[in-house]
Amino acid sequence: GTVANQKVVQDIDDETDFTLSTVKVITTKKGDAGDKTVVVRQTGST
């Protein structure tokens, strides 16, 4: 998939940044991507 947009949140505590990437799915090899977009959480930010 391709990262369509991103935002940085502190939604678990007030100190830890998480980058949330909305990924537009091109193809699925395993599982069910549902509506063809998924949100991927990564600890940290740029």
PDB file of all heavy atoms in Angstrom:
ATOM      1  N   GLY A   1       0.813  -1.206   0.000  1.00  0.00           N
ATOM      2  CA  GLY A   1       0.000   0.000   0.000  1.00  0.00           C
ATOM      3  C   GLY A   1       0.843   1.250   0.000  1.00  0.00           C
ATOM      4  O   GLY A   1       2.058   1.208   0.232  1.00  0.00           O
ATOM      5  N   THR A   2       0.176   2.363  -0.262  1.00  0.00           N
ATOM      6  CA  THR A   2       0.821   3.670  -0.305  1.00  0.00           C
ATOM      7  C   THR A   2       0.324   4.510   0.853  1.00  0.00           C
ATOM      8  O   THR A   2      -0.886   4.569   1.109  1.00  0.00           O
ATOM      9  CB  THR A   2       0.510   4.377  -1.638  1.00  0.00           C
ATOM     10  OG1 THR A   2       0.945   3.534  -2.708  1.00  0.00           O
ATOM     11  CG2 THR A   2       1.193   5.725  -1.743  1.00  0.00           C
ATOM     12  N   VAL A   3       1.246   5.165   1.549  1.00  0.00           N
ATOM     13  CA  VAL A   3       0.880   6.035   2.663  1.00  0.00           C
ATOM     14  C   VAL A   3       0.197   7.280   2.089  1.00  0.00           C
ATOM     15  O   VAL A   3       0.826   8.079   1.399  1.00  0.00           O
ATOM     16  CB  VAL A   3       2.099   6.417   3.528  1.00  0.00           C
ATOM     17  CG1 VAL A   3       1.687   7.365   4.637  1.00  0.00           C
ATOM     18  CG2 VAL A   3       2.763   5.165   4.094  1.00  0.00           C
ATOM     19  N   ALA A   4      -1.098   7.409   2.365  1.00  0.00           N
ATOM     20  CA  ALA A   4      -1.886   8.522   1.842  1.00  0.00           C
ATOM     21  C   ALA A   4      -1.734   9.773   2.704  1.00  0.00           C
ATOM     22  O   ALA A   4      -1.651  10.893   2.185  1.00  0.00           O
ATOM     23  CB  ALA A   4      -3.358   8.131   1.739  1.00  0.00           C
ATOM     24  N   ASN A   5      -1.734   9.589   4.027  1.00  0.00           N
ATOM     25  CA  ASN A   5      -1.539  10.722   4.927  1.00  0.00           C
ATOM     26  C   ASN A   5      -1.074  10.223   6.278  1.00  0.00           C
ATOM     27  O   ASN A   5      -1.157   9.031   6.570  1.00  0.00           O
ATOM     28  CB  ASN A   5      -2.792  11.594   5.032  1.00  0.00           C
ATOM     29  CG  ASN A   5      -3.986  10.825   5.551  1.00  0.00           C
ATOM     30  OD1 ASN A   5      -3.970  10.328   6.671  1.00  0.00           O
ATOM     31  ND2 ASN A   5      -5.024  10.721   4.740  1.00  0.00           N
ATOM     32  N   GLN A   6      -0.595  11.165   7.078  1.00  0.00           N
ATOM     33  CA  GLN A   6      -0.076  10.831   8.400  1.00  0.00           C
ATOM     34  C   GLN A   6      -0.453  11.916   9.393  1.00  0.00           C
ATOM     35  O   GLN A   6      -0.659  13.069   9.018  1.00  0.00           O
ATOM     36  CB  GLN A   6       1.457  10.732   8.390  1.00  0.00           C
ATOM     37  CG  GLN A   6       1.999   9.560   7.647  1.00  0.00           C
ATOM     38  CD  GLN A   6       3.512   9.536   7.668  1.00  0.00           C
ATOM     39  OE1 GLN A   6       4.151  10.544   7.419  1.00  0.00           O
ATOM     40  NE2 GLN A   6       4.081   8.382   7.976  1.00  0.00           N
ATOM     41  N   LYS A   7      -0.505  11.501  10.653  1.00  0.00           N
ATOM     42  CA  LYS A   7      -0.625  12.473  11.733  1.00  0.00           C
ATOM     43  C   LYS A   7       0.098  11.914  12.948  1.00  0.00           C
ATOM     44  O   LYS A   7       0.250  10.695  13.102  1.00  0.00           O
ATOM     45  CB  LYS A   7      -2.077  12.802  12.047  1.00  0.00           C
ATOM     46  CG  LYS A   7      -2.889  11.663  12.624  1.00  0.00           C
ATOM     47  CD  LYS A   7      -4.321  12.117  12.896  1.00  0.00           C
ATOM     48  CE  LYS A   7      -5.162  10.947  13.385  1.00  0.00           C
ATOM     49  NZ  LYS A   7      -6.539  11.360  13.658  1.00  0.00           N
ATOM     50  N   VAL A   8       0.558  12.808  13.786  1.00  0.00           N
ATOM     51  CA  VAL A   8       1.244  12.426  15.018  1.00  0.00           C
ATOM     52  C   VAL A   8       0.294  12.679  16.175  1.00  0.00           C
ATOM     53  O   VAL A   8      -0.326  13.744  16.265  1.00  0.00           O
ATOM     54  CB  VAL A   8       2.548  13.233  15.208  1.00  0.00           C
ATOM     55  CG1 VAL A   8       3.211  12.899  16.536  1.00  0.00           C
ATOM     56  CG2 VAL A   8       3.503  12.958  14.051  1.00  0.00           C
ATOM     57  N   VAL A   9       0.144  11.669  17.039  1.00  0.00           N
ATOM     58  CA  VAL A   9      -0.761  11.759  18.182  1.00  0.00           C
ATOM     59  C   VAL A   9      -0.031  11.317  19.448  1.00  0.00           C
ATOM     60  O   VAL A   9       0.995  10.652  19.385  1.00  0.00           O
ATOM     61  CB  VAL A   9      -2.028  10.887  17.990  1.00  0.00           C
ATOM     62  CG1 VAL A   9      -2.824  11.324  16.765  1.00  0.00           C
ATOM     63  CG2 VAL A   9      -1.655   9.416  17.874  1.00  0.00           C
ATOM     64  N   GLN A  10      -0.592  11.716  20.572  1.00  0.00           N
ATOM     65  CA  GLN A  10      -0.174  11.217  21.887  1.00  0.00           C
ATOM     66  C   GLN A  10      -1.449  10.694  22.537  1.00  0.00           C
ATOM     67  O   GLN A  10      -2.015  11.325  23.414  1.00  0.00           O
ATOM     68  CB  GLN A  10       0.470  12.330  22.717  1.00  0.00           C
ATOM     69  CG  GLN A  10       1.783  12.794  22.164  1.00  0.00           C
ATOM     70  CD  GLN A  10       2.415  13.908  22.966  1.00  0.00           C
ATOM     71  OE1 GLN A  10       1.743  14.679  23.624  1.00  0.00           O
ATOM     72  NE2 GLN A  10       3.734  13.989  22.898  1.00  0.00           N
ATOM     73  N   ASP A  11      -1.899   9.528  22.072  1.00  0.00           N
ATOM     74  CA  ASP A  11      -3.208   9.020  22.480  1.00  0.00           C
ATOM     75  C   ASP A  11      -3.154   7.925  23.536  1.00  0.00           C
ATOM     76  O   ASP A  11      -4.190   7.446  23.983  1.00  0.00           O
ATOM     77  CB  ASP A  11      -4.015   8.554  21.264  1.00  0.00           C
ATOM     78  CG  ASP A  11      -3.306   7.503  20.431  1.00  0.00           C
ATOM     79  OD1 ASP A  11      -2.172   7.109  20.788  1.00  0.00           O
ATOM     80  OD2 ASP A  11      -3.866   7.085  19.412  1.00  0.00           O
ATOM     81  N   ILE A  12      -1.959   7.516  23.939  1.00  0.00           N
ATOM     82  CA  ILE A  12      -1.847   6.518  25.003  1.00  0.00           C
ATOM     83  C   ILE A  12      -1.373   7.184  26.289  1.00  0.00           C
ATOM     84  O   ILE A  12      -1.858   6.883  27.365  1.00  0.00           O
ATOM     85  CB  ILE A  12      -0.927   5.355  24.580  1.00  0.00           C
ATOM     86  CG1 ILE A  12      -1.611   4.586  23.443  1.00  0.00           C
ATOM     87  CG2 ILE A  12      -0.632   4.436  25.748  1.00  0.00           C
ATOM     88  CD1 ILE A  12      -0.847   3.404  22.921  1.00  0.00           C
ATOM     89  N   ASP A  13      -0.423   8.092  26.143  1.00  0.00           N
ATOM     90  CA  ASP A  13      -0.005   8.922  27.277  1.00  0.00           C
ATOM     91  C   ASP A  13       0.327  10.318  26.736  1.00  0.00           C
ATOM     92  O   ASP A  13       0.218  10.556  25.538  1.00  0.00           O
ATOM     93  CB  ASP A  13       1.173   8.298  28.044  1.00  0.00           C
ATOM     94  CG  ASP A  13       2.417   8.131  27.186  1.00  0.00           C
ATOM     95  OD1 ASP A  13       2.741   9.039  26.377  1.00  0.00           O
ATOM     96  OD2 ASP A  13       3.098   7.100  27.318  1.00  0.00           O
ATOM     97  N   ASP A  14       0.721  11.222  27.610  1.00  0.00           N
ATOM     98  CA  ASP A  14       0.972  12.604  27.199  1.00  0.00           C
ATOM     99  C   ASP A  14       2.401  12.853  26.735  1.00  0.00           C
ATOM    100  O   ASP A  14       2.775  13.998  26.472  1.00  0.00           O
ATOM    101  CB  ASP A  14       0.652  13.567  28.354  1.00  0.00           C
ATOM    102  CG  ASP A  14      -0.832  13.593  28.682  1.00  0.00           C
ATOM    103  OD1 ASP A  14      -1.633  13.266  27.790  1.00  0.00           O
ATOM    104  OD2 ASP A  14      -1.166  13.936  29.829  1.00  0.00           O
ATOM    105  N   GLU A  15       3.218  11.806  26.645  1.00  0.00           N
ATOM    106  CA  GLU A  15       4.619  11.999  26.301  1.00  0.00           C
ATOM    107  C   GLU A  15       5.064  11.270  25.042  1.00  0.00           C
ATOM    108  O   GLU A  15       5.981  11.715  24.365  1.00  0.00           O
ATOM    109  CB  GLU A  15       5.500  11.547  27.471  1.00  0.00           C
ATOM    110  CG  GLU A  15       5.287  12.367  28.722  1.00  0.00           C
ATOM    111  CD  GLU A  15       6.091  11.844  29.889  1.00  0.00           C
ATOM    112  OE1 GLU A  15       7.029  11.047  29.672  1.00  0.00           O
ATOM    113  OE2 GLU A  15       5.771  12.236  31.023  1.00  0.00           O
ATOM    114  N   THR A  16       4.426  10.158  24.729  1.00  0.00           N
ATOM    115  CA  THR A  16       4.897   9.316  23.633  1.00  0.00           C
ATOM    116  C   THR A  16       4.205   9.679  22.326  1.00  0.00           C
ATOM    117  O   THR A  16       2.979   9.621  22.223  1.00  0.00           O
ATOM    118  CB  THR A  16       4.637   7.829  23.947  1.00  0.00           C
ATOM    119  OG1 THR A  16       5.187   7.526  25.234  1.00  0.00           O
ATOM    120  CG2 THR A  16       5.265   6.936  22.893  1.00  0.00           C
ATOM    121  N   ASP A  17       5.019  10.058  21.338  1.00  0.00           N
ATOM    122  CA  ASP A  17       4.489  10.314  19.999  1.00  0.00           C
ATOM    123  C   ASP A  17       4.252   8.993  19.280  1.00  0.00           C
ATOM    124  O   ASP A  17       5.076   8.073  19.353  1.00  0.00           O
ATOM    125  CB  ASP A  17       5.490  11.115  19.160  1.00  0.00           C
ATOM    126  CG  ASP A  17       5.535  12.589  19.500  1.00  0.00           C
ATOM    127  OD1 ASP A  17       4.691  13.053  20.285  1.00  0.00           O
ATOM    128  OD2 ASP A  17       6.431  13.277  18.971  1.00  0.00           O
ATOM    129  N   PHE A  18       3.140   8.931  18.578  1.00  0.00           N
ATOM    130  CA  PHE A  18       2.855   7.837  17.657  1.00  0.00           C
ATOM    131  C   PHE A  18       2.526   8.451  16.311  1.00  0.00           C
ATOM    132  O   PHE A  18       1.731   9.396  16.238  1.00  0.00           O
ATOM    133  CB  PHE A  18       1.665   6.990  18.124  1.00  0.00           C
ATOM    134  CG  PHE A  18       1.961   6.151  19.328  1.00  0.00           C
ATOM    135  CD1 PHE A  18       1.686   6.631  20.603  1.00  0.00           C
ATOM    136  CD2 PHE A  18       2.518   4.889  19.202  1.00  0.00           C
ATOM    137  CE1 PHE A  18       1.966   5.869  21.723  1.00  0.00           C
ATOM    138  CE2 PHE A  18       2.801   4.124  20.315  1.00  0.00           C
ATOM    139  CZ  PHE A  18       2.524   4.620  21.577  1.00  0.00           C
ATOM    140  N   THR A  19       3.137   7.932  15.257  1.00  0.00           N
ATOM    141  CA  THR A  19       2.790   8.361  13.911  1.00  0.00           C
ATOM    142  C   THR A  19       1.747   7.396  13.379  1.00  0.00           C
ATOM    143  O   THR A  19       1.967   6.184  13.360  1.00  0.00           O
ATOM    144  CB  THR A  19       4.031   8.373  12.993  1.00  0.00           C
ATOM    145  OG1 THR A  19       4.982   9.296  13.523  1.00  0.00           O
ATOM    146  CG2 THR A  19       3.663   8.776  11.577  1.00  0.00           C
ATOM    147  N   LEU A  20       0.599   7.943  12.993  1.00  0.00           N
ATOM    148  CA  LEU A  20      -0.480   7.145  12.409  1.00  0.00           C
ATOM    149  C   LEU A  20      -0.477   7.373  10.906  1.00  0.00           C
ATOM    150  O   LEU A  20      -0.700   8.499  10.448  1.00  0.00           O
ATOM    151  CB  LEU A  20      -1.833   7.547  12.996  1.00  0.00           C
ATOM    152  CG  LEU A  20      -1.980   7.477  14.507  1.00  0.00           C
ATOM    153  CD1 LEU A  20      -3.401   7.869  14.912  1.00  0.00           C
ATOM    154  CD2 LEU A  20      -1.621   6.107  15.035  1.00  0.00           C
ATOM    155  N   SER A  21      -0.209   6.326  10.154  1.00  0.00           N
ATOM    156  CA  SER A  21      -0.175   6.406   8.697  1.00  0.00           C
ATOM    157  C   SER A  21      -1.407   5.726   8.132  1.00  0.00           C
ATOM    158  O   SER A  21      -1.642   4.545   8.404  1.00  0.00           O
ATOM    159  CB  SER A  21       1.086   5.710   8.150  1.00  0.00           C
ATOM    160  OG  SER A  21       2.255   6.313   8.638  1.00  0.00           O
ATOM    161  N   THR A  22      -2.183   6.462   7.359  1.00  0.00           N
ATOM    162  CA  THR A  22      -3.307   5.871   6.640  1.00  0.00           C
ATOM    163  C   THR A  22      -2.751   5.324   5.330  1.00  0.00           C
ATOM    164  O   THR A  22      -2.221   6.080   4.503  1.00  0.00           O
ATOM    165  CB  THR A  22      -4.416   6.896   6.372  1.00  0.00           C
ATOM    166  OG1 THR A  22      -4.868   7.405   7.630  1.00  0.00           O
ATOM    167  CG2 THR A  22      -5.585   6.265   5.629  1.00  0.00           C
ATOM    168  N   VAL A  23      -2.844   4.008   5.176  1.00  0.00           N
ATOM    169  CA  VAL A  23      -2.253   3.328   4.024  1.00  0.00           C
ATOM    170  C   VAL A  23      -3.367   2.876   3.088  1.00  0.00           C
ATOM    171  O   VAL A  23      -4.277   2.138   3.495  1.00  0.00           O
ATOM    172  CB  VAL A  23      -1.399   2.118   4.477  1.00  0.00           C
ATOM    173  CG1 VAL A  23      -0.809   1.391   3.277  1.00  0.00           C
ATOM    174  CG2 VAL A  23      -0.295   2.564   5.435  1.00  0.00           C
ATOM    175  N   LYS A  24      -3.302   3.326   1.839  1.00  0.00           N
ATOM    176  CA  LYS A  24      -4.247   2.900   0.807  1.00  0.00           C
ATOM    177  C   LYS A  24      -3.739   1.581   0.238  1.00  0.00           C
ATOM    178  O   LYS A  24      -2.649   1.510  -0.330  1.00  0.00           O
ATOM    179  CB  LYS A  24      -4.343   3.960  -0.285  1.00  0.00           C
ATOM    180  CG  LYS A  24      -5.354   3.634  -1.346  1.00  0.00           C
ATOM    181  CD  LYS A  24      -5.438   4.735  -2.380  1.00  0.00           C
ATOM    182  CE  LYS A  24      -6.390   4.331  -3.478  1.00  0.00           C
ATOM    183  NZ  LYS A  24      -6.385   5.296  -4.573  1.00  0.00           N
ATOM    184  N   VAL A  25      -4.530   0.523   0.411  1.00  0.00           N
ATOM    185  CA  VAL A  25      -4.105  -0.822   0.035  1.00  0.00           C
ATOM    186  C   VAL A  25      -4.206  -1.032  -1.479  1.00  0.00           C
ATOM    187  O   VAL A  25      -5.239  -0.765  -2.083  1.00  0.00           O
ATOM    188  CB  VAL A  25      -4.961  -1.881   0.776  1.00  0.00           C
ATOM    189  CG1 VAL A  25      -4.559  -3.284   0.356  1.00  0.00           C
ATOM    190  CG2 VAL A  25      -4.834  -1.700   2.285  1.00  0.00           C
ATOM    191  N   ILE A  26      -3.107  -1.519  -2.051  1.00  0.00           N
ATOM    192  CA  ILE A  26      -3.081  -1.866  -3.474  1.00  0.00           C
ATOM    193  C   ILE A  26      -3.411  -3.346  -3.632  1.00  0.00           C
ATOM    194  O   ILE A  26      -4.195  -3.731  -4.488  1.00  0.00           O
ATOM    195  CB  ILE A  26      -1.711  -1.539  -4.097  1.00  0.00           C
ATOM    196  CG1 ILE A  26      -1.464  -0.032  -4.033  1.00  0.00           C
ATOM    197  CG2 ILE A  26      -1.628  -2.045  -5.535  1.00  0.00           C
ATOM    198  CD1 ILE A  26      -0.046   0.377  -4.348  1.00  0.00           C
ATOM    199  N   THR A  27      -2.793  -4.172  -2.796  1.00  0.00           N
ATOM    200  CA  THR A  27      -3.062  -5.604  -2.831  1.00  0.00           C
ATOM    201  C   THR A  27      -2.865  -6.193  -1.436  1.00  0.00           C
ATOM    202  O   THR A  27      -2.098  -5.664  -0.640  1.00  0.00           O
ATOM    203  CB  THR A  27      -2.169  -6.334  -3.862  1.00  0.00           C
ATOM    204  OG1 THR A  27      -2.607  -7.681  -4.003  1.00  0.00           O
ATOM    205  CG2 THR A  27      -0.715  -6.321  -3.471  1.00  0.00           C
ATOM    206  N   THR A  28      -3.591  -7.262  -1.162  1.00  0.00           N
ATOM    207  CA  THR A  28      -3.502  -7.953   0.126  1.00  0.00           C
ATOM    208  C   THR A  28      -2.971  -9.357  -0.116  1.00  0.00           C
ATOM    209  O   THR A  28      -3.510 -10.096  -0.934  1.00  0.00           O
ATOM    210  CB  THR A  28      -4.894  -8.038   0.794  1.00  0.00           C
ATOM    211  OG1 THR A  28      -5.398  -6.713   0.942  1.00  0.00           O
ATOM    212  CG2 THR A  28      -4.810  -8.713   2.151  1.00  0.00           C
ATOM    213  N   LYS A  29      -1.919  -9.715   0.609  1.00  0.00           N
ATOM    214  CA  LYS A  29      -1.336 -11.050   0.490  1.00  0.00           C
ATOM    215  C   LYS A  29      -1.862 -11.982   1.585  1.00  0.00           C
ATOM    216  O   LYS A  29      -1.987 -13.175   1.383  1.00  0.00           O
ATOM    217  CB  LYS A  29       0.196 -10.935   0.574  1.00  0.00           C
ATOM    218  CG  LYS A  29       0.927 -12.197   0.294  1.00  0.00           C
ATOM    219  CD  LYS A  29       0.823 -12.606  -1.155  1.00  0.00           C
ATOM    220  CE  LYS A  29       1.606 -13.889  -1.389  1.00  0.00           C
ATOM    221  NZ  LYS A  29       1.582 -14.333  -2.748  1.00  0.00           N
ATOM    222  N   LYS A  30      -2.182 -11.413   2.756  1.00  0.00           N
ATOM    223  CA  LYS A  30      -2.719 -12.202   3.861  1.00  0.00           C
ATOM    224  C   LYS A  30      -3.691 -11.326   4.635  1.00  0.00           C
ATOM    225  O   LYS A  30      -3.427 -10.155   4.862  1.00  0.00           O
ATOM    226  CB  LYS A  30      -1.593 -12.664   4.796  1.00  0.00           C
ATOM    227  CG  LYS A  30      -2.110 -13.440   6.015  1.00  0.00           C
ATOM    228  CD  LYS A  30      -0.986 -13.847   6.942  1.00  0.00           C
ATOM    229  CE  LYS A  30      -1.563 -14.578   8.158  1.00  0.00           C
ATOM    230  NZ  LYS A  30      -0.511 -14.963   9.113  1.00  0.00           N
ATOM    231  N   GLY A  31      -4.799 -11.913   5.079  1.00  0.00           N
ATOM    232  CA  GLY A  31      -5.770 -11.196   5.896  1.00  0.00           C
ATOM    233  C   GLY A  31      -6.806 -10.464   5.070  1.00  0.00           C
ATOM    234  O   GLY A  31      -6.923 -10.661   3.868  1.00  0.00           O
ATOM    235  N   ASP A  32      -7.556  -9.597   5.748  1.00  0.00           N
ATOM    236  CA  ASP A  32      -8.639  -8.845   5.122  1.00  0.00           C
ATOM    237  C   ASP A  32      -8.440  -7.366   5.428  1.00  0.00           C
ATOM    238  O   ASP A  32      -8.511  -6.946   6.579  1.00  0.00           O
ATOM    239  CB  ASP A  32      -9.984  -9.318   5.665  1.00  0.00           C
ATOM    240  CG  ASP A  32     -11.174  -8.608   5.048  1.00  0.00           C
ATOM    241  OD1 ASP A  32     -10.976  -7.777   4.123  1.00  0.00           O
ATOM    242  OD2 ASP A  32     -12.301  -8.865   5.486  1.00  0.00           O
ATOM    243  N   ALA A  33      -8.186  -6.581   4.384  1.00  0.00           N
ATOM    244  CA  ALA A  33      -7.939  -5.146   4.557  1.00  0.00           C
ATOM    245  C   ALA A  33      -9.232  -4.346   4.625  1.00  0.00           C
ATOM    246  O   ALA A  33      -9.201  -3.122   4.683  1.00  0.00           O
ATOM    247  CB  ALA A  33      -7.050  -4.628   3.436  1.00  0.00           C
ATOM    248  N   GLY A  34     -10.374  -5.014   4.627  1.00  0.00           N
ATOM    249  CA  GLY A  34     -11.650  -4.318   4.808  1.00  0.00           C
ATOM    250  C   GLY A  34     -11.921  -3.288   3.740  1.00  0.00           C
ATOM    251  O   GLY A  34     -12.041  -3.615   2.575  1.00  0.00           O
ATOM    252  N   ASP A  35     -11.974  -2.004   4.151  1.00  0.00           N
ATOM    253  CA  ASP A  35     -12.366  -0.939   3.225  1.00  0.00           C
ATOM    254  C   ASP A  35     -11.213  -0.446   2.338  1.00  0.00           C
ATOM    255  O   ASP A  35     -11.311   0.607   1.729  1.00  0.00           O
ATOM    256  CB  ASP A  35     -12.987   0.231   3.983  1.00  0.00           C
ATOM    257  CG  ASP A  35     -12.002   0.920   4.922  1.00  0.00           C
ATOM    258  OD1 ASP A  35     -10.830   0.508   4.979  1.00  0.00           O
ATOM    259  OD2 ASP A  35     -12.409   1.878   5.593  1.00  0.00           O
ATOM    260  N   LYS A  36     -10.141  -1.195   2.295  1.00  0.00           N
ATOM    261  CA  LYS A  36      -8.983  -0.903   1.443  1.00  0.00           C
ATOM    262  C   LYS A  36      -8.108   0.239   1.951  1.00  0.00           C
ATOM    263  O   LYS A  36      -7.273   0.761   1.224  1.00  0.00           O
ATOM    264  CB  LYS A  36      -9.398  -0.663  -0.016  1.00  0.00           C
ATOM    265  CG  LYS A  36      -9.936  -1.904  -0.695  1.00  0.00           C
ATOM    266  CD  LYS A  36      -8.835  -2.937  -0.806  1.00  0.00           C
ATOM    267  CE  LYS A  36      -9.308  -4.159  -1.585  1.00  0.00           C
ATOM    268  NZ  LYS A  36      -8.289  -5.157  -1.726  1.00  0.00           N
ATOM    269  N   THR A  37      -8.296   0.632   3.200  1.00  0.00           N
ATOM    270  CA  THR A  37      -7.323   1.487   3.871  1.00  0.00           C
ATOM    271  C   THR A  37      -7.108   0.911   5.263  1.00  0.00           C
ATOM    272  O   THR A  37      -8.034   0.355   5.861  1.00  0.00           O
ATOM    273  CB  THR A  37      -7.758   2.964   3.997  1.00  0.00           C
ATOM    274  OG1 THR A  37      -8.937   3.043   4.768  1.00  0.00           O
ATOM    275  CG2 THR A  37      -7.959   3.609   2.637  1.00  0.00           C
ATOM    276  N   VAL A  38      -5.888   1.018   5.753  1.00  0.00           N
ATOM    277  CA  VAL A  38      -5.573   0.596   7.110  1.00  0.00           C
ATOM    278  C   VAL A  38      -4.753   1.700   7.769  1.00  0.00           C
ATOM    279  O   VAL A  38      -4.064   2.461   7.093  1.00  0.00           O
ATOM    280  CB  VAL A  38      -4.806  -0.743   7.163  1.00  0.00           C
ATOM    281  CG1 VAL A  38      -5.650  -1.886   6.619  1.00  0.00           C
ATOM    282  CG2 VAL A  38      -3.489  -0.665   6.430  1.00  0.00           C
ATOM    283  N   VAL A  39      -4.848   1.774   9.092  1.00  0.00           N
ATOM    284  CA  VAL A  39      -4.057   2.736   9.845  1.00  0.00           C
ATOM    285  C   VAL A  39      -2.947   1.969  10.560  1.00  0.00           C
ATOM    286  O   VAL A  39      -3.215   1.033  11.308  1.00  0.00           O
ATOM    287  CB  VAL A  39      -4.921   3.526  10.844  1.00  0.00           C
ATOM    288  CG1 VAL A  39      -4.048   4.460  11.685  1.00  0.00           C
ATOM    289  CG2 VAL A  39      -6.005   4.311  10.116  1.00  0.00           C
ATOM    290  N   VAL A  40      -1.705   2.390  10.290  1.00  0.00           N
ATOM    291  CA  VAL A  40      -0.530   1.751  10.867  1.00  0.00           C
ATOM    292  C   VAL A  40       0.069   2.691  11.905  1.00  0.00           C
ATOM    293  O   VAL A  40       0.349   3.855  11.613  1.00  0.00           O
ATOM    294  CB  VAL A  40       0.514   1.422   9.779  1.00  0.00           C
ATOM    295  CG1 VAL A  40       1.749   0.774  10.396  1.00  0.00           C
ATOM    296  CG2 VAL A  40      -0.093   0.500   8.717  1.00  0.00           C
ATOM    297  N   ARG A  41       0.246   2.170  13.139  1.00  0.00           N
ATOM    298  CA  ARG A  41       0.847   2.920  14.249  1.00  0.00           C
ATOM    299  C   ARG A  41       2.332   2.633  14.314  1.00  0.00           C
ATOM    300  O   ARG A  41       2.730   1.479  14.315  1.00  0.00           O
ATOM    301  CB  ARG A  41       0.253   2.476  15.592  1.00  0.00           C
ATOM    302  CG  ARG A  41      -1.200   2.732  15.791  1.00  0.00           C
ATOM    303  CD  ARG A  41      -1.656   2.234  17.167  1.00  0.00           C
ATOM    304  NE  ARG A  41      -1.063   2.985  18.249  1.00  0.00           N
ATOM    305  CZ  ARG A  41      -1.559   4.129  18.722  1.00  0.00           C
ATOM    306  NH1 ARG A  41      -2.653   4.647  18.215  1.00  0.00           N
ATOM    307  NH2 ARG A  41      -0.961   4.754  19.713  1.00  0.00           N
ATOM    308  N   GLN A  42       3.123   3.691  14.405  1.00  0.00           N
ATOM    309  CA  GLN A  42       4.555   3.531  14.639  1.00  0.00           C
ATOM    310  C   GLN A  42       4.930   4.405  15.827  1.00  0.00           C
ATOM    311  O   GLN A  42       4.517   5.562  15.910  1.00  0.00           O
ATOM    312  CB  GLN A  42       5.364   3.953  13.423  1.00  0.00           C
ATOM    313  CG  GLN A  42       5.215   3.010  12.239  1.00  0.00           C
ATOM    314  CD  GLN A  42       6.094   3.441  11.096  1.00  0.00           C
ATOM    315  OE1 GLN A  42       5.713   4.305  10.328  1.00  0.00           O
ATOM    316  NE2 GLN A  42       7.267   2.835  10.995  1.00  0.00           N
ATOM    317  N   THR A  43       5.715   3.853  16.728  1.00  0.00           N
ATOM    318  CA  THR A  43       6.168   4.623  17.876  1.00  0.00           C
ATOM    319  C   THR A  43       7.184   5.653  17.406  1.00  0.00           C
ATOM    320  O   THR A  43       8.119   5.322  16.683  1.00  0.00           O
ATOM    321  CB  THR A  43       6.815   3.706  18.928  1.00  0.00           C
ATOM    322  OG1 THR A  43       5.858   2.710  19.300  1.00  0.00           O
ATOM    323  CG2 THR A  43       7.223   4.486  20.169  1.00  0.00           C
ATOM    324  N   GLY A  44       6.959   6.902  17.814  1.00  0.00           N
ATOM    325  CA  GLY A  44       7.848   7.989  17.449  1.00  0.00           C
ATOM    326  C   GLY A  44       7.260   8.838  16.346  1.00  0.00           C
ATOM    327  O   GLY A  44       6.138   8.612  15.876  1.00  0.00           O
ATOM    328  N   SER A  45       8.025   9.829  15.958  1.00  0.00           N
ATOM    329  CA  SER A  45       7.647  10.724  14.876  1.00  0.00           C
ATOM    330  C   SER A  45       8.924  11.238  14.234  1.00  0.00           C
ATOM    331  O   SER A  45      10.014  10.958  14.721  1.00  0.00           O
ATOM    332  CB  SER A  45       6.817  11.899  15.418  1.00  0.00           C
ATOM    333  OG  SER A  45       7.620  12.707  16.270  1.00  0.00           O
ATOM    334  N   THR A  46       8.794  11.991  13.163  1.00  0.00           N
ATOM    335  CA  THR A  46      10.000  12.520  12.528  1.00  0.00           C
ATOM    336  C   THR A  46      10.701  13.517  13.449  1.00  0.00           C
ATOM    337  O   THR A  46      11.900  13.709  13.354  1.00  0.00           O
ATOM    338  CB  THR A  46       9.678  13.186  11.179  1.00  0.00           C
ATOM    339  OG1 THR A  46       8.668  14.172  11.383  1.00  0.00           O
ATOM    340  CG2 THR A  46       9.212  12.158  10.163  1.00  0.00           C
TER     341      THR A  46
END
